[in-house]
Amino acid sequence: MTTVVICRDKKGFYRGFYCAGHAGYAKRGRPDILCAAISALTIGTINSLEELAGERLNVTQNEDTGFLRCDFESILQEKSCFLMDSMVFSLENISREYGGKYLQVKFEEV
């Protein structure tokens, strides 16, 4: 199962997110469409935050374990918050569609 944790501060501002684990939707050794979708959303959002919105990020990843962490160096611009809202919305929809057995989206106050 993949767990995606969205980190917000006490005021509700996005501070980052992290993902851990592999979805396990496909049999071992076969392409996993859920892992691919989660990766596309999270990595696509990171790329958009950096390249399109000019945000400064600290990113750590380990493909073998399915770990990805993205911390924001400052409070996000409005357009960047929209990108994060879109990622969260899409991940929550995937979780509802395929079930919490494969993807869980959680929120954490930091």
N, C-alpha and C. Protein backbone atom coordinates (compact mmCIF):
# COMPACT_ATOMS: atom_id res chain seq x y z
N MET A 1 0.83 -1.18 0.00
CA MET A 1 0.00 0.00 0.00
C MET A 1 0.88 1.25 0.00
N THR A 2 0.43 2.26 -0.71
CA THR A 2 1.10 3.55 -0.70
C THR A 2 0.34 4.47 0.24
N THR A 3 1.09 5.16 1.08
CA THR A 3 0.51 6.18 1.94
C THR A 3 1.09 7.52 1.52
N VAL A 4 0.21 8.48 1.26
CA VAL A 4 0.63 9.83 0.94
C VAL A 4 0.18 10.71 2.10
N VAL A 5 1.13 11.41 2.70
CA VAL A 5 0.83 12.29 3.83
C VAL A 5 1.06 13.73 3.39
N ILE A 6 0.00 14.53 3.52
CA ILE A 6 0.04 15.94 3.17
C ILE A 6 0.30 16.71 4.46
N CYS A 7 1.37 17.49 4.49
CA CYS A 7 1.76 18.22 5.70
C CYS A 7 1.32 19.68 5.59
N ARG A 8 0.62 20.12 6.64
CA ARG A 8 0.17 21.52 6.72
C ARG A 8 0.55 22.07 8.09
N ASP A 9 0.72 23.39 8.15
CA ASP A 9 1.00 24.00 9.44
C ASP A 9 -0.31 24.32 10.16
N LYS A 10 -0.22 24.93 11.34
CA LYS A 10 -1.40 25.22 12.16
C LYS A 10 -2.39 26.16 11.47
N LYS A 11 -1.89 26.97 10.53
CA LYS A 11 -2.75 27.90 9.80
C LYS A 11 -3.35 27.27 8.55
N GLY A 12 -2.98 26.01 8.28
CA GLY A 12 -3.53 25.32 7.12
C GLY A 12 -2.70 25.44 5.85
N PHE A 13 -1.55 26.11 5.93
CA PHE A 13 -0.70 26.27 4.76
C PHE A 13 0.06 24.97 4.47
N TYR A 14 0.13 24.62 3.21
CA TYR A 14 0.91 23.44 2.81
C TYR A 14 2.38 23.66 3.17
N ARG A 15 2.99 22.64 3.76
CA ARG A 15 4.42 22.69 4.10
C ARG A 15 5.22 21.61 3.38
N GLY A 16 4.50 20.65 2.75
CA GLY A 16 5.15 19.59 2.01
C GLY A 16 4.29 18.34 1.99
N PHE A 17 4.88 17.25 1.50
CA PHE A 17 4.18 15.96 1.50
C PHE A 17 5.21 14.86 1.37
N TYR A 18 4.79 13.66 1.74
CA TYR A 18 5.65 12.51 1.52
C TYR A 18 4.82 11.29 1.20
N CYS A 19 5.44 10.36 0.47
CA CYS A 19 4.80 9.12 0.04
C CYS A 19 5.69 7.97 0.48
N ALA A 20 5.06 6.88 0.88
CA ALA A 20 5.83 5.70 1.28
C ALA A 20 5.11 4.45 0.83
N GLY A 21 5.88 3.50 0.30
CA GLY A 21 5.35 2.20 -0.07
C GLY A 21 4.94 2.10 -1.53
N HIS A 22 4.73 0.88 -1.94
CA HIS A 22 4.24 0.58 -3.28
C HIS A 22 2.78 0.14 -3.17
N ALA A 23 1.98 0.53 -4.12
CA ALA A 23 0.54 0.26 -4.06
C ALA A 23 0.23 -1.23 -3.96
N GLY A 24 0.95 -2.04 -4.70
CA GLY A 24 0.70 -3.47 -4.67
C GLY A 24 -0.56 -3.89 -5.42
N TYR A 25 -0.98 -3.08 -6.35
CA TYR A 25 -2.19 -3.39 -7.12
C TYR A 25 -1.92 -4.51 -8.11
N ALA A 26 -0.76 -4.46 -8.78
CA ALA A 26 -0.40 -5.49 -9.75
C ALA A 26 0.44 -6.57 -9.07
N LYS A 27 0.46 -7.74 -9.66
CA LYS A 27 1.29 -8.82 -9.14
C LYS A 27 2.76 -8.41 -9.23
N ARG A 28 3.56 -8.92 -8.30
CA ARG A 28 4.99 -8.60 -8.25
C ARG A 28 5.66 -8.86 -9.60
N GLY A 29 6.44 -7.87 -10.06
CA GLY A 29 7.13 -7.99 -11.33
C GLY A 29 6.35 -7.48 -12.53
N ARG A 30 5.08 -7.16 -12.33
CA ARG A 30 4.24 -6.63 -13.42
C ARG A 30 4.09 -5.12 -13.25
N PRO A 31 3.83 -4.40 -14.32
CA PRO A 31 3.61 -2.95 -14.20
C PRO A 31 2.39 -2.66 -13.32
N ASP A 32 2.55 -1.72 -12.43
CA ASP A 32 1.48 -1.37 -11.48
C ASP A 32 0.91 -0.01 -11.87
N ILE A 33 -0.33 0.00 -12.40
CA ILE A 33 -0.93 1.24 -12.87
C ILE A 33 -1.16 2.23 -11.73
N LEU A 34 -1.41 1.73 -10.52
CA LEU A 34 -1.63 2.66 -9.41
C LEU A 34 -0.33 3.33 -8.99
N CYS A 35 0.75 2.56 -8.91
CA CYS A 35 2.06 3.17 -8.60
C CYS A 35 2.41 4.21 -9.67
N ALA A 36 2.14 3.87 -10.92
CA ALA A 36 2.43 4.80 -12.01
C ALA A 36 1.60 6.08 -11.89
N ALA A 37 0.34 5.94 -11.55
CA ALA A 37 -0.53 7.11 -11.41
C ALA A 37 -0.09 7.98 -10.24
N ILE A 38 0.22 7.36 -9.11
CA ILE A 38 0.66 8.10 -7.93
C ILE A 38 1.96 8.82 -8.23
N SER A 39 2.89 8.12 -8.88
CA SER A 39 4.18 8.74 -9.24
C SER A 39 3.98 9.90 -10.20
N ALA A 40 3.14 9.72 -11.20
CA ALA A 40 2.90 10.79 -12.17
C ALA A 40 2.33 12.03 -11.49
N LEU A 41 1.40 11.83 -10.57
CA LEU A 41 0.79 12.97 -9.87
C LEU A 41 1.79 13.67 -8.96
N THR A 42 2.50 12.89 -8.15
CA THR A 42 3.39 13.51 -7.17
C THR A 42 4.62 14.13 -7.84
N ILE A 43 5.25 13.41 -8.74
CA ILE A 43 6.45 13.94 -9.40
C ILE A 43 6.06 15.07 -10.36
N GLY A 44 4.93 14.93 -11.03
CA GLY A 44 4.44 16.01 -11.89
C GLY A 44 4.17 17.28 -11.11
N THR A 45 3.61 17.14 -9.91
CA THR A 45 3.35 18.31 -9.07
C THR A 45 4.67 18.94 -8.63
N ILE A 46 5.63 18.13 -8.21
CA ILE A 46 6.94 18.66 -7.82
C ILE A 46 7.56 19.43 -8.99
N ASN A 47 7.55 18.84 -10.17
CA ASN A 47 8.13 19.50 -11.35
C ASN A 47 7.41 20.81 -11.65
N SER A 48 6.09 20.82 -11.56
CA SER A 48 5.32 22.04 -11.83
C SER A 48 5.59 23.11 -10.78
N LEU A 49 5.68 22.70 -9.51
CA LEU A 49 5.98 23.66 -8.45
C LEU A 49 7.33 24.33 -8.69
N GLU A 50 8.31 23.54 -9.10
CA GLU A 50 9.65 24.09 -9.34
C GLU A 50 9.72 24.91 -10.63
N GLU A 51 9.31 24.30 -11.73
CA GLU A 51 9.53 24.90 -13.04
C GLU A 51 8.50 25.96 -13.43
N LEU A 52 7.25 25.72 -13.12
CA LEU A 52 6.21 26.66 -13.53
C LEU A 52 5.95 27.76 -12.50
N ALA A 53 6.03 27.37 -11.21
CA ALA A 53 5.72 28.33 -10.16
C ALA A 53 6.96 28.93 -9.51
N GLY A 54 8.14 28.34 -9.77
CA GLY A 54 9.37 28.89 -9.22
C GLY A 54 9.55 28.66 -7.72
N GLU A 55 8.89 27.64 -7.18
CA GLU A 55 9.02 27.35 -5.75
C GLU A 55 10.37 26.67 -5.46
N ARG A 56 10.87 26.90 -4.27
CA ARG A 56 12.10 26.24 -3.82
C ARG A 56 11.71 25.06 -2.94
N LEU A 57 12.19 23.88 -3.33
CA LEU A 57 11.79 22.64 -2.68
C LEU A 57 13.02 21.83 -2.26
N ASN A 58 12.84 21.02 -1.23
CA ASN A 58 13.83 20.02 -0.84
C ASN A 58 13.18 18.67 -1.10
N VAL A 59 13.75 17.90 -2.03
CA VAL A 59 13.16 16.62 -2.44
C VAL A 59 14.12 15.49 -2.16
N THR A 60 13.58 14.42 -1.57
CA THR A 60 14.33 13.20 -1.28
C THR A 60 13.51 12.04 -1.82
N GLN A 61 14.18 11.06 -2.46
CA GLN A 61 13.44 9.90 -2.97
C GLN A 61 14.28 8.64 -2.94
N ASN A 62 13.59 7.51 -2.90
CA ASN A 62 14.21 6.20 -2.99
C ASN A 62 13.25 5.31 -3.76
N GLU A 63 13.55 5.03 -5.02
CA GLU A 63 12.66 4.25 -5.88
C GLU A 63 12.43 2.84 -5.35
N ASP A 64 13.47 2.24 -4.77
CA ASP A 64 13.35 0.85 -4.30
C ASP A 64 12.28 0.70 -3.22
N THR A 65 12.22 1.67 -2.31
CA THR A 65 11.25 1.57 -1.21
C THR A 65 9.95 2.32 -1.52
N GLY A 66 9.93 3.08 -2.61
CA GLY A 66 8.73 3.85 -2.95
C GLY A 66 8.59 5.09 -2.09
N PHE A 67 9.72 5.62 -1.61
CA PHE A 67 9.68 6.80 -0.73
C PHE A 67 9.96 8.06 -1.53
N LEU A 68 9.14 9.09 -1.28
CA LEU A 68 9.32 10.41 -1.90
C LEU A 68 8.91 11.45 -0.87
N ARG A 69 9.78 12.41 -0.64
CA ARG A 69 9.46 13.49 0.30
C ARG A 69 9.76 14.82 -0.37
N CYS A 70 8.83 15.76 -0.20
CA CYS A 70 8.99 17.10 -0.74
C CYS A 70 8.63 18.11 0.35
N ASP A 71 9.62 18.90 0.76
CA ASP A 71 9.41 19.94 1.76
C ASP A 71 9.52 21.30 1.09
N PHE A 72 8.63 22.21 1.44
CA PHE A 72 8.62 23.54 0.85
C PHE A 72 9.47 24.47 1.71
N GLU A 73 10.32 25.25 1.08
CA GLU A 73 11.20 26.15 1.82
C GLU A 73 10.47 27.36 2.38
N SER A 74 9.31 27.69 1.82
CA SER A 74 8.53 28.83 2.32
C SER A 74 7.05 28.58 2.04
N ILE A 75 6.22 29.51 2.47
CA ILE A 75 4.78 29.43 2.20
C ILE A 75 4.58 29.52 0.69
N LEU A 76 3.72 28.66 0.17
CA LEU A 76 3.49 28.60 -1.27
C LEU A 76 2.68 29.79 -1.77
N GLN A 77 2.95 30.14 -3.02
CA GLN A 77 2.15 31.14 -3.71
C GLN A 77 0.75 30.57 -3.97
N GLU A 78 -0.19 31.43 -4.29
CA GLU A 78 -1.57 30.99 -4.55
C GLU A 78 -1.64 29.96 -5.67
N LYS A 79 -0.91 30.21 -6.77
CA LYS A 79 -0.94 29.27 -7.89
C LYS A 79 -0.35 27.92 -7.49
N SER A 80 0.60 27.92 -6.60
CA SER A 80 1.21 26.67 -6.13
C SER A 80 0.24 25.91 -5.24
N CYS A 81 -0.53 26.63 -4.43
CA CYS A 81 -1.56 25.99 -3.60
C CYS A 81 -2.59 25.29 -4.49
N PHE A 82 -2.91 25.91 -5.61
CA PHE A 82 -3.84 25.30 -6.56
C PHE A 82 -3.28 24.00 -7.11
N LEU A 83 -1.98 23.97 -7.42
CA LEU A 83 -1.33 22.74 -7.89
C LEU A 83 -1.42 21.66 -6.81
N MET A 84 -1.17 22.03 -5.57
CA MET A 84 -1.27 21.06 -4.47
C MET A 84 -2.71 20.58 -4.28
N ASP A 85 -3.66 21.50 -4.33
CA ASP A 85 -5.07 21.12 -4.22
C ASP A 85 -5.44 20.11 -5.30
N SER A 86 -4.95 20.32 -6.50
CA SER A 86 -5.24 19.43 -7.62
C SER A 86 -4.64 18.05 -7.38
N MET A 87 -3.40 17.99 -6.89
CA MET A 87 -2.76 16.71 -6.60
C MET A 87 -3.55 15.96 -5.53
N VAL A 88 -3.89 16.65 -4.44
CA VAL A 88 -4.63 16.01 -3.35
C VAL A 88 -5.98 15.51 -3.85
N PHE A 89 -6.69 16.33 -4.61
CA PHE A 89 -7.99 15.94 -5.16
C PHE A 89 -7.87 14.67 -5.99
N SER A 90 -6.87 14.62 -6.86
CA SER A 90 -6.68 13.45 -7.73
C SER A 90 -6.30 12.21 -6.94
N LEU A 91 -5.41 12.35 -5.97
CA LEU A 91 -5.02 11.20 -5.14
C LEU A 91 -6.20 10.67 -4.33
N GLU A 92 -7.00 11.56 -3.78
CA GLU A 92 -8.17 11.13 -3.02
C GLU A 92 -9.17 10.40 -3.92
N ASN A 93 -9.32 10.87 -5.15
CA ASN A 93 -10.20 10.18 -6.10
C ASN A 93 -9.69 8.78 -6.43
N ILE A 94 -8.40 8.63 -6.62
CA ILE A 94 -7.82 7.31 -6.89
C ILE A 94 -8.06 6.40 -5.69
N SER A 95 -7.86 6.92 -4.49
CA SER A 95 -8.07 6.12 -3.28
C SER A 95 -9.52 5.64 -3.17
N ARG A 96 -10.45 6.53 -3.48
CA ARG A 96 -11.87 6.14 -3.44
C ARG A 96 -12.18 5.10 -4.52
N GLU A 97 -11.62 5.29 -5.70
CA GLU A 97 -11.90 4.40 -6.84
C GLU A 97 -11.33 3.00 -6.63
N TYR A 98 -10.09 2.91 -6.16
CA TYR A 98 -9.41 1.61 -6.04
C TYR A 98 -9.39 1.07 -4.62
N GLY A 99 -9.66 1.91 -3.66
CA GLY A 99 -9.75 1.46 -2.27
C GLY A 99 -8.51 1.77 -1.45
N GLY A 100 -8.76 1.95 -0.15
CA GLY A 100 -7.70 2.26 0.80
C GLY A 100 -6.71 1.12 0.98
N LYS A 101 -7.02 -0.03 0.44
CA LYS A 101 -6.09 -1.15 0.50
C LYS A 101 -4.82 -0.87 -0.30
N TYR A 102 -4.93 0.01 -1.30
CA TYR A 102 -3.82 0.31 -2.19
C TYR A 102 -3.24 1.71 -1.99
N LEU A 103 -4.10 2.67 -1.63
CA LEU A 103 -3.66 4.06 -1.46
C LEU A 103 -4.44 4.71 -0.33
N GLN A 104 -3.70 5.31 0.59
CA GLN A 104 -4.32 6.10 1.64
C GLN A 104 -3.72 7.51 1.59
N VAL A 105 -4.59 8.49 1.68
CA VAL A 105 -4.16 9.89 1.72
C VAL A 105 -4.47 10.40 3.12
N LYS A 106 -3.45 10.90 3.79
CA LYS A 106 -3.60 11.38 5.17
C LYS A 106 -3.10 12.82 5.27
N PHE A 107 -3.53 13.50 6.34
CA PHE A 107 -3.10 14.87 6.58
C PHE A 107 -2.42 14.92 7.94
N GLU A 108 -1.35 15.71 8.00
CA GLU A 108 -0.57 15.82 9.23
C GLU A 108 -0.26 17.29 9.50
N GLU A 109 -0.44 17.69 10.74
CA GLU A 109 -0.08 19.05 11.12
C GLU A 109 1.38 19.08 11.55
N VAL A 110 2.13 19.99 10.98
CA VAL A 110 3.56 20.10 11.31
C VAL A 110 3.88 21.45 11.91
